[in-house]
């Protein structure tokens, strides 16, 4: 299931960057936990244009996240919110 819908209800975050956050489980090692913080910290700079697309996508890819799928899912969610 995507983040765009859950039982036909849309999730409306207080801040748009909340759609771009990632989490790790409690058993994650320190480098994975650090990566989560780096990715989550990059959301606002990317959304406000401080960080360019290339850098943000490379960051996601570096930590094992498919950038096009990840951002595409957020774009899908936004499109549903705007309808």
PDB file of N, CA and C in Angstrom:
ATOM      1  N   UNK A   1       0.842  -1.176   0.000  1.00  0.00           N
ATOM      2  CA  UNK A   1       0.000   0.000   0.000  1.00  0.00           C
ATOM      3  C   UNK A   1       0.884   1.234   0.000  1.00  0.00           C
ATOM      4  N   UNK A   2       0.461   2.267  -0.655  1.00  0.00           N
ATOM      5  CA  UNK A   2       1.242   3.493  -0.720  1.00  0.00           C
ATOM      6  C   UNK A   2       0.864   4.431   0.410  1.00  0.00           C
ATOM      7  N   UNK A   3       1.669   5.480   0.565  1.00  0.00           N
ATOM      8  CA  UNK A   3       1.346   6.474   1.583  1.00  0.00           C
ATOM      9  C   UNK A   3       0.163   7.325   1.179  1.00  0.00           C
ATOM     10  N   UNK A   4      -0.217   7.253  -0.098  1.00  0.00           N
ATOM     11  CA  UNK A   4      -1.272   8.125  -0.598  1.00  0.00           C
ATOM     12  C   UNK A   4      -2.639   7.794  -0.028  1.00  0.00           C
ATOM     13  N   UNK A   5      -2.873   6.558   0.318  1.00  0.00           N
ATOM     14  CA  UNK A   5      -4.188   6.237   0.860  1.00  0.00           C
ATOM     15  C   UNK A   5      -4.090   5.064   1.816  1.00  0.00           C
ATOM     16  N   UNK A   6      -4.975   5.059   2.768  1.00  0.00           N
ATOM     17  CA  UNK A   6      -5.069   3.964   3.716  1.00  0.00           C
ATOM     18  C   UNK A   6      -6.544   3.824   4.045  1.00  0.00           C
ATOM     19  N   UNK A   7      -7.157   2.781   3.541  1.00  0.00           N
ATOM     20  CA  UNK A   7      -8.602   2.582   3.723  1.00  0.00           C
ATOM     21  C   UNK A   7      -9.406   3.763   3.181  1.00  0.00           C
ATOM     22  N   UNK A   8      -8.988   4.266   2.034  1.00  0.00           N
ATOM     23  CA  UNK A   8      -9.665   5.373   1.348  1.00  0.00           C
ATOM     24  C   UNK A   8      -9.641   6.680   2.120  1.00  0.00           C
ATOM     25  N   UNK A   9      -8.720   6.849   3.060  1.00  0.00           N
ATOM     26  CA  UNK A   9      -8.551   8.096   3.797  1.00  0.00           C
ATOM     27  C   UNK A   9      -7.178   8.659   3.475  1.00  0.00           C
ATOM     28  N   UNK A  10      -7.113   9.942   3.226  1.00  0.00           N
ATOM     29  CA  UNK A  10      -5.830  10.576   2.947  1.00  0.00           C
ATOM     30  C   UNK A  10      -5.203  11.087   4.234  1.00  0.00           C
ATOM     31  N   UNK A  11      -3.926  10.878   4.355  1.00  0.00           N
ATOM     32  CA  UNK A  11      -3.182  11.387   5.488  1.00  0.00           C
ATOM     33  C   UNK A  11      -2.766  12.816   5.178  1.00  0.00           C
ATOM     34  N   UNK A  12      -3.088  13.758   6.033  1.00  0.00           N
ATOM     35  CA  UNK A  12      -2.749  15.155   5.831  1.00  0.00           C
ATOM     36  C   UNK A  12      -1.727  15.582   6.878  1.00  0.00           C
ATOM     37  N   UNK A  13      -0.467  15.699   6.486  1.00  0.00           N
ATOM     38  CA  UNK A  13       0.560  16.079   7.454  1.00  0.00           C
ATOM     39  C   UNK A  13       0.507  17.575   7.758  1.00  0.00           C
ATOM     40  N   UNK A  14       1.014  17.945   8.933  1.00  0.00           N
ATOM     41  CA  UNK A  14       1.107  19.361   9.271  1.00  0.00           C
ATOM     42  C   UNK A  14       2.123  20.055   8.379  1.00  0.00           C
ATOM     43  N   UNK A  15       3.226  19.392   8.092  1.00  0.00           N
ATOM     44  CA  UNK A  15       4.286  19.938   7.244  1.00  0.00           C
ATOM     45  C   UNK A  15       4.507  19.003   6.072  1.00  0.00           C
ATOM     46  N   UNK A  16       4.638  19.582   4.901  1.00  0.00           N
ATOM     47  CA  UNK A  16       4.799  18.770   3.698  1.00  0.00           C
ATOM     48  C   UNK A  16       6.035  17.879   3.770  1.00  0.00           C
ATOM     49  N   UNK A  17       7.096  18.334   4.452  1.00  0.00           N
ATOM     50  CA  UNK A  17       8.290  17.496   4.525  1.00  0.00           C
ATOM     51  C   UNK A  17       8.044  16.197   5.294  1.00  0.00           C
ATOM     52  N   UNK A  18       6.956  16.145   6.063  1.00  0.00           N
ATOM     53  CA  UNK A  18       6.616  14.895   6.751  1.00  0.00           C
ATOM     54  C   UNK A  18       6.353  13.759   5.767  1.00  0.00           C
ATOM     55  N   UNK A  19       5.949  14.091   4.562  1.00  0.00           N
ATOM     56  CA  UNK A  19       5.731  13.055   3.543  1.00  0.00           C
ATOM     57  C   UNK A  19       7.050  12.452   3.066  1.00  0.00           C
ATOM     58  N   UNK A  20       8.143  13.155   3.304  1.00  0.00           N
ATOM     59  CA  UNK A  20       9.447  12.693   2.832  1.00  0.00           C
ATOM     60  C   UNK A  20      10.308  12.101   3.946  1.00  0.00           C
ATOM     61  N   UNK A  21       9.719  11.813   5.091  1.00  0.00           N
ATOM     62  CA  UNK A  21      10.505  11.232   6.174  1.00  0.00           C
ATOM     63  C   UNK A  21      10.570   9.716   6.040  1.00  0.00           C
ATOM     64  N   UNK A  22      11.635   9.170   6.571  1.00  0.00           N
ATOM     65  CA  UNK A  22      11.823   7.732   6.620  1.00  0.00           C
ATOM     66  C   UNK A  22      12.042   7.331   8.072  1.00  0.00           C
ATOM     67  N   UNK A  23      11.864   6.061   8.362  1.00  0.00           N
ATOM     68  CA  UNK A  23      12.112   5.563   9.710  1.00  0.00           C
ATOM     69  C   UNK A  23      12.860   4.241   9.631  1.00  0.00           C
ATOM     70  N   UNK A  24      13.449   3.872  10.739  1.00  0.00           N
ATOM     71  CA  UNK A  24      14.144   2.595  10.839  1.00  0.00           C
ATOM     72  C   UNK A  24      13.612   1.878  12.072  1.00  0.00           C
ATOM     73  N   UNK A  25      13.822   0.582  12.120  1.00  0.00           N
ATOM     74  CA  UNK A  25      13.354  -0.159  13.287  1.00  0.00           C
ATOM     75  C   UNK A  25      14.348  -0.022  14.432  1.00  0.00           C
ATOM     76  N   UNK A  26      13.941  -0.429  15.598  1.00  0.00           N
ATOM     77  CA  UNK A  26      14.761  -0.295  16.793  1.00  0.00           C
ATOM     78  C   UNK A  26      16.032  -1.120  16.772  1.00  0.00           C
ATOM     79  N   UNK A  27      16.119  -2.064  15.870  1.00  0.00           N
ATOM     80  CA  UNK A  27      17.301  -2.915  15.767  1.00  0.00           C
ATOM     81  C   UNK A  27      18.328  -2.387  14.765  1.00  0.00           C
ATOM     82  N   UNK A  28      18.074  -1.220  14.188  1.00  0.00           N
ATOM     83  CA  UNK A  28      18.974  -0.670  13.171  1.00  0.00           C
ATOM     84  C   UNK A  28      20.331  -0.328  13.775  1.00  0.00           C
ATOM     85  N   UNK A  29      21.365  -0.498  12.966  1.00  0.00           N
ATOM     86  CA  UNK A  29      22.700  -0.139  13.457  1.00  0.00           C
ATOM     87  C   UNK A  29      22.887   1.379  13.395  1.00  0.00           C
ATOM     88  N   UNK A  30      23.986   1.844  13.956  1.00  0.00           N
ATOM     89  CA  UNK A  30      24.222   3.287  14.052  1.00  0.00           C
ATOM     90  C   UNK A  30      24.293   3.974  12.696  1.00  0.00           C
ATOM     91  N   UNK A  31      24.896   3.331  11.706  1.00  0.00           N
ATOM     92  CA  UNK A  31      25.006   3.970  10.393  1.00  0.00           C
ATOM     93  C   UNK A  31      23.636   4.091   9.719  1.00  0.00           C
ATOM     94  N   UNK A  32      22.779   3.106   9.903  1.00  0.00           N
ATOM     95  CA  UNK A  32      21.421   3.178   9.345  1.00  0.00           C
ATOM     96  C   UNK A  32      20.624   4.269  10.044  1.00  0.00           C
ATOM     97  N   UNK A  33      20.767   4.355  11.353  1.00  0.00           N
ATOM     98  CA  UNK A  33      20.080   5.387  12.127  1.00  0.00           C
ATOM     99  C   UNK A  33      20.569   6.777  11.711  1.00  0.00           C
ATOM    100  N   UNK A  34      21.859   6.917  11.512  1.00  0.00           N
ATOM    101  CA  UNK A  34      22.436   8.186  11.065  1.00  0.00           C
ATOM    102  C   UNK A  34      21.911   8.548   9.669  1.00  0.00           C
ATOM    103  N   UNK A  35      21.819   7.548   8.793  1.00  0.00           N
ATOM    104  CA  UNK A  35      21.277   7.774   7.453  1.00  0.00           C
ATOM    105  C   UNK A  35      19.850   8.282   7.495  1.00  0.00           C
ATOM    106  N   UNK A  36      19.035   7.734   8.415  1.00  0.00           N
ATOM    107  CA  UNK A  36      17.656   8.192   8.579  1.00  0.00           C
ATOM    108  C   UNK A  36      17.637   9.677   8.925  1.00  0.00           C
ATOM    109  N   UNK A  37      18.492  10.079   9.835  1.00  0.00           N
ATOM    110  CA  UNK A  37      18.536  11.494  10.226  1.00  0.00           C
ATOM    111  C   UNK A  37      18.987  12.388   9.067  1.00  0.00           C
ATOM    112  N   UNK A  38      19.944  11.922   8.297  1.00  0.00           N
ATOM    113  CA  UNK A  38      20.430  12.704   7.158  1.00  0.00           C
ATOM    114  C   UNK A  38      19.325  12.865   6.116  1.00  0.00           C
ATOM    115  N   UNK A  39      18.643  11.770   5.792  1.00  0.00           N
ATOM    116  CA  UNK A  39      17.562  11.830   4.803  1.00  0.00           C
ATOM    117  C   UNK A  39      16.434  12.730   5.292  1.00  0.00           C
ATOM    118  N   UNK A  40      16.037  12.563   6.544  1.00  0.00           N
ATOM    119  CA  UNK A  40      14.948  13.377   7.071  1.00  0.00           C
ATOM    120  C   UNK A  40      15.337  14.850   7.156  1.00  0.00           C
ATOM    121  N   UNK A  41      16.596  15.111   7.448  1.00  0.00           N
ATOM    122  CA  UNK A  41      17.068  16.490   7.502  1.00  0.00           C
ATOM    123  C   UNK A  41      17.175  17.140   6.131  1.00  0.00           C
ATOM    124  N   UNK A  42      17.244  16.354   5.082  1.00  0.00           N
ATOM    125  CA  UNK A  42      17.373  16.887   3.727  1.00  0.00           C
ATOM    126  C   UNK A  42      16.022  17.272   3.113  1.00  0.00           C
ATOM    127  N   UNK A  43      14.934  16.822   3.702  1.00  0.00           N
ATOM    128  CA  UNK A  43      13.609  17.072   3.108  1.00  0.00           C
ATOM    129  C   UNK A  43      13.315  18.569   2.970  1.00  0.00           C
ATOM    130  N   UNK A  44      13.460  19.319   4.029  1.00  0.00           N
ATOM    131  CA  UNK A  44      13.143  20.755   3.974  1.00  0.00           C
ATOM    132  C   UNK A  44      14.051  21.504   3.001  1.00  0.00           C
ATOM    133  N   UNK A  45      15.387  21.315   3.079  1.00  0.00           N
ATOM    134  CA  UNK A  45      16.228  22.020   2.112  1.00  0.00           C
ATOM    135  C   UNK A  45      15.884  21.696   0.659  1.00  0.00           C
ATOM    136  N   UNK A  46      15.509  20.444   0.392  1.00  0.00           N
ATOM    137  CA  UNK A  46      15.143  20.087  -0.984  1.00  0.00           C
ATOM    138  C   UNK A  46      13.839  20.758  -1.390  1.00  0.00           C
ATOM    139  N   UNK A  47      12.857  20.722  -0.513  1.00  0.00           N
ATOM    140  CA  UNK A  47      11.556  21.305  -0.833  1.00  0.00           C
ATOM    141  C   UNK A  47      11.608  22.822  -0.980  1.00  0.00           C
ATOM    142  N   UNK A  48      12.527  23.461  -0.294  1.00  0.00           N
ATOM    143  CA  UNK A  48      12.630  24.921  -0.366  1.00  0.00           C
ATOM    144  C   UNK A  48      13.632  25.387  -1.417  1.00  0.00           C
ATOM    145  N   UNK A  49      14.248  24.447  -2.130  1.00  0.00           N
ATOM    146  CA  UNK A  49      15.170  24.804  -3.204  1.00  0.00           C
ATOM    147  C   UNK A  49      16.592  25.069  -2.756  1.00  0.00           C
ATOM    148  N   UNK A  50      16.882  24.878  -1.475  1.00  0.00           N
ATOM    149  CA  UNK A  50      18.243  25.050  -0.981  1.00  0.00           C
ATOM    150  C   UNK A  50      19.130  23.911  -1.487  1.00  0.00           C
ATOM    151  N   UNK A  51      18.551  22.717  -1.595  1.00  0.00           N
ATOM    152  CA  UNK A  51      19.254  21.549  -2.115  1.00  0.00           C
ATOM    153  C   UNK A  51      18.688  21.225  -3.501  1.00  0.00           C
ATOM    154  N   UNK A  52      19.567  20.994  -4.465  1.00  0.00           N
ATOM    155  CA  UNK A  52      19.095  20.680  -5.816  1.00  0.00           C
ATOM    156  C   UNK A  52      18.627  19.231  -5.911  1.00  0.00           C
ATOM    157  N   UNK A  53      17.882  18.950  -6.971  1.00  0.00           N
ATOM    158  CA  UNK A  53      17.320  17.613  -7.181  1.00  0.00           C
ATOM    159  C   UNK A  53      18.403  16.543  -7.242  1.00  0.00           C
ATOM    160  N   UNK A  54      19.465  16.827  -7.961  1.00  0.00           N
ATOM    161  CA  UNK A  54      20.529  15.833  -8.126  1.00  0.00           C
ATOM    162  C   UNK A  54      21.087  15.411  -6.771  1.00  0.00           C
ATOM    163  N   UNK A  55      21.392  16.382  -5.926  1.00  0.00           N
ATOM    164  CA  UNK A  55      21.972  16.081  -4.612  1.00  0.00           C
ATOM    165  C   UNK A  55      21.001  15.281  -3.758  1.00  0.00           C
ATOM    166  N   UNK A  56      19.730  15.678  -3.758  1.00  0.00           N
ATOM    167  CA  UNK A  56      18.734  14.969  -2.953  1.00  0.00           C
ATOM    168  C   UNK A  56      18.545  13.541  -3.446  1.00  0.00           C
ATOM    169  N   UNK A  57      18.452  13.375  -4.764  1.00  0.00           N
ATOM    170  CA  UNK A  57      18.264  12.037  -5.317  1.00  0.00           C
ATOM    171  C   UNK A  57      19.491  11.161  -5.079  1.00  0.00           C
ATOM    172  N   UNK A  58      20.678  11.731  -5.181  1.00  0.00           N
ATOM    173  CA  UNK A  58      21.898  10.974  -4.895  1.00  0.00           C
ATOM    174  C   UNK A  58      21.947  10.552  -3.427  1.00  0.00           C
ATOM    175  N   UNK A  59      21.495  11.414  -2.550  1.00  0.00           N
ATOM    176  CA  UNK A  59      21.453  11.107  -1.122  1.00  0.00           C
ATOM    177  C   UNK A  59      20.519   9.925  -0.854  1.00  0.00           C
ATOM    178  N   UNK A  60      19.330   9.977  -1.427  1.00  0.00           N
ATOM    179  CA  UNK A  60      18.394   8.867  -1.269  1.00  0.00           C
ATOM    180  C   UNK A  60      18.997   7.574  -1.795  1.00  0.00           C
ATOM    181  N   UNK A  61      19.566   7.634  -2.979  1.00  0.00           N
ATOM    182  CA  UNK A  61      20.155   6.451  -3.594  1.00  0.00           C
ATOM    183  C   UNK A  61      21.300   5.899  -2.747  1.00  0.00           C
ATOM    184  N   UNK A  62      22.105   6.781  -2.203  1.00  0.00           N
ATOM    185  CA  UNK A  62      23.235   6.363  -1.362  1.00  0.00           C
ATOM    186  C   UNK A  62      22.773   5.518  -0.174  1.00  0.00           C
ATOM    187  N   UNK A  63      21.616   5.850   0.370  1.00  0.00           N
ATOM    188  CA  UNK A  63      21.090   5.119   1.519  1.00  0.00           C
ATOM    189  C   UNK A  63      20.091   4.026   1.131  1.00  0.00           C
ATOM    190  N   UNK A  64      20.088   3.649  -0.144  1.00  0.00           N
ATOM    191  CA  UNK A  64      19.313   2.493  -0.578  1.00  0.00           C
ATOM    192  C   UNK A  64      17.851   2.752  -0.873  1.00  0.00           C
ATOM    193  N   UNK A  65      17.480   4.009  -1.085  1.00  0.00           N
ATOM    194  CA  UNK A  65      16.093   4.355  -1.412  1.00  0.00           C
ATOM    195  C   UNK A  65      16.021   4.728  -2.878  1.00  0.00           C
ATOM    196  N   UNK A  66      15.111   4.109  -3.606  1.00  0.00           N
ATOM    197  CA  UNK A  66      14.908   4.443  -5.016  1.00  0.00           C
ATOM    198  C   UNK A  66      14.293   5.837  -5.082  1.00  0.00           C
ATOM    199  N   UNK A  67      15.058   6.840  -5.533  1.00  0.00           N
ATOM    200  CA  UNK A  67      14.571   8.220  -5.504  1.00  0.00           C
ATOM    201  C   UNK A  67      13.302   8.447  -6.319  1.00  0.00           C
ATOM    202  N   UNK A  68      13.236   7.875  -7.507  1.00  0.00           N
ATOM    203  CA  UNK A  68      12.061   8.105  -8.350  1.00  0.00           C
ATOM    204  C   UNK A  68      10.806   7.486  -7.754  1.00  0.00           C
ATOM    205  N   UNK A  69      10.932   6.302  -7.185  1.00  0.00           N
ATOM    206  CA  UNK A  69       9.775   5.662  -6.556  1.00  0.00           C
ATOM    207  C   UNK A  69       9.359   6.415  -5.298  1.00  0.00           C
ATOM    208  N   UNK A  70      10.325   6.818  -4.490  1.00  0.00           N
ATOM    209  CA  UNK A  70      10.050   7.511  -3.231  1.00  0.00           C
ATOM    210  C   UNK A  70       9.375   8.861  -3.481  1.00  0.00           C
ATOM    211  N   UNK A  71       9.960   9.672  -4.322  1.00  0.00           N
ATOM    212  CA  UNK A  71       9.393  10.995  -4.618  1.00  0.00           C
ATOM    213  C   UNK A  71       8.110  10.845  -5.433  1.00  0.00           C
ATOM    214  N   UNK A  72       8.047   9.844  -6.306  1.00  0.00           N
ATOM    215  CA  UNK A  72       6.834   9.605  -7.089  1.00  0.00           C
ATOM    216  C   UNK A  72       5.646   9.306  -6.211  1.00  0.00           C
ATOM    217  N   UNK A  73       5.871   8.576  -5.134  1.00  0.00           N
ATOM    218  CA  UNK A  73       4.788   8.264  -4.215  1.00  0.00           C
ATOM    219  C   UNK A  73       4.283   9.531  -3.517  1.00  0.00           C
ATOM    220  N   UNK A  74       5.191  10.419  -3.173  1.00  0.00           N
ATOM    221  CA  UNK A  74       4.808  11.696  -2.563  1.00  0.00           C
ATOM    222  C   UNK A  74       4.050  12.558  -3.572  1.00  0.00           C
ATOM    223  N   UNK A  75       4.510  12.564  -4.816  1.00  0.00           N
ATOM    224  CA  UNK A  75       3.806  13.321  -5.858  1.00  0.00           C
ATOM    225  C   UNK A  75       2.385  12.780  -6.056  1.00  0.00           C
ATOM    226  N   UNK A  76       2.237  11.470  -6.004  1.00  0.00           N
ATOM    227  CA  UNK A  76       0.908  10.860  -6.124  1.00  0.00           C
ATOM    228  C   UNK A  76       0.005  11.330  -4.975  1.00  0.00           C
ATOM    229  N   UNK A  77       0.564  11.350  -3.793  1.00  0.00           N
ATOM    230  CA  UNK A  77      -0.200  11.789  -2.614  1.00  0.00           C
ATOM    231  C   UNK A  77      -0.634  13.249  -2.785  1.00  0.00           C
ATOM    232  N   UNK A  78       0.277  14.085  -3.233  1.00  0.00           N
ATOM    233  CA  UNK A  78      -0.051  15.506  -3.417  1.00  0.00           C
ATOM    234  C   UNK A  78      -1.115  15.698  -4.486  1.00  0.00           C
ATOM    235  N   UNK A  79      -1.037  14.928  -5.551  1.00  0.00           N
ATOM    236  CA  UNK A  79      -2.041  15.024  -6.613  1.00  0.00           C
ATOM    237  C   UNK A  79      -3.434  14.665  -6.068  1.00  0.00           C
ATOM    238  N   UNK A  80      -3.494  13.643  -5.215  1.00  0.00           N
ATOM    239  CA  UNK A  80      -4.780  13.275  -4.616  1.00  0.00           C
ATOM    240  C   UNK A  80      -5.285  14.375  -3.690  1.00  0.00           C
ATOM    241  N   UNK A  81      -4.387  15.015  -2.955  1.00  0.00           N
ATOM    242  CA  UNK A  81      -4.807  16.099  -2.060  1.00  0.00           C
ATOM    243  C   UNK A  81      -5.334  17.304  -2.821  1.00  0.00           C
ATOM    244  N   UNK A  82      -4.816  17.533  -4.008  1.00  0.00           N
ATOM    245  CA  UNK A  82      -5.183  18.719  -4.771  1.00  0.00           C
ATOM    246  C   UNK A  82      -6.465  18.522  -5.588  1.00  0.00           C
ATOM    247  N   UNK A  83      -6.944  17.297  -5.695  1.00  0.00           N
ATOM    248  CA  UNK A  83      -8.169  17.043  -6.457  1.00  0.00           C
ATOM    249  C   UNK A  83      -9.382  17.503  -5.701  1.00  0.00           C
TER     250      UNK A  83
END
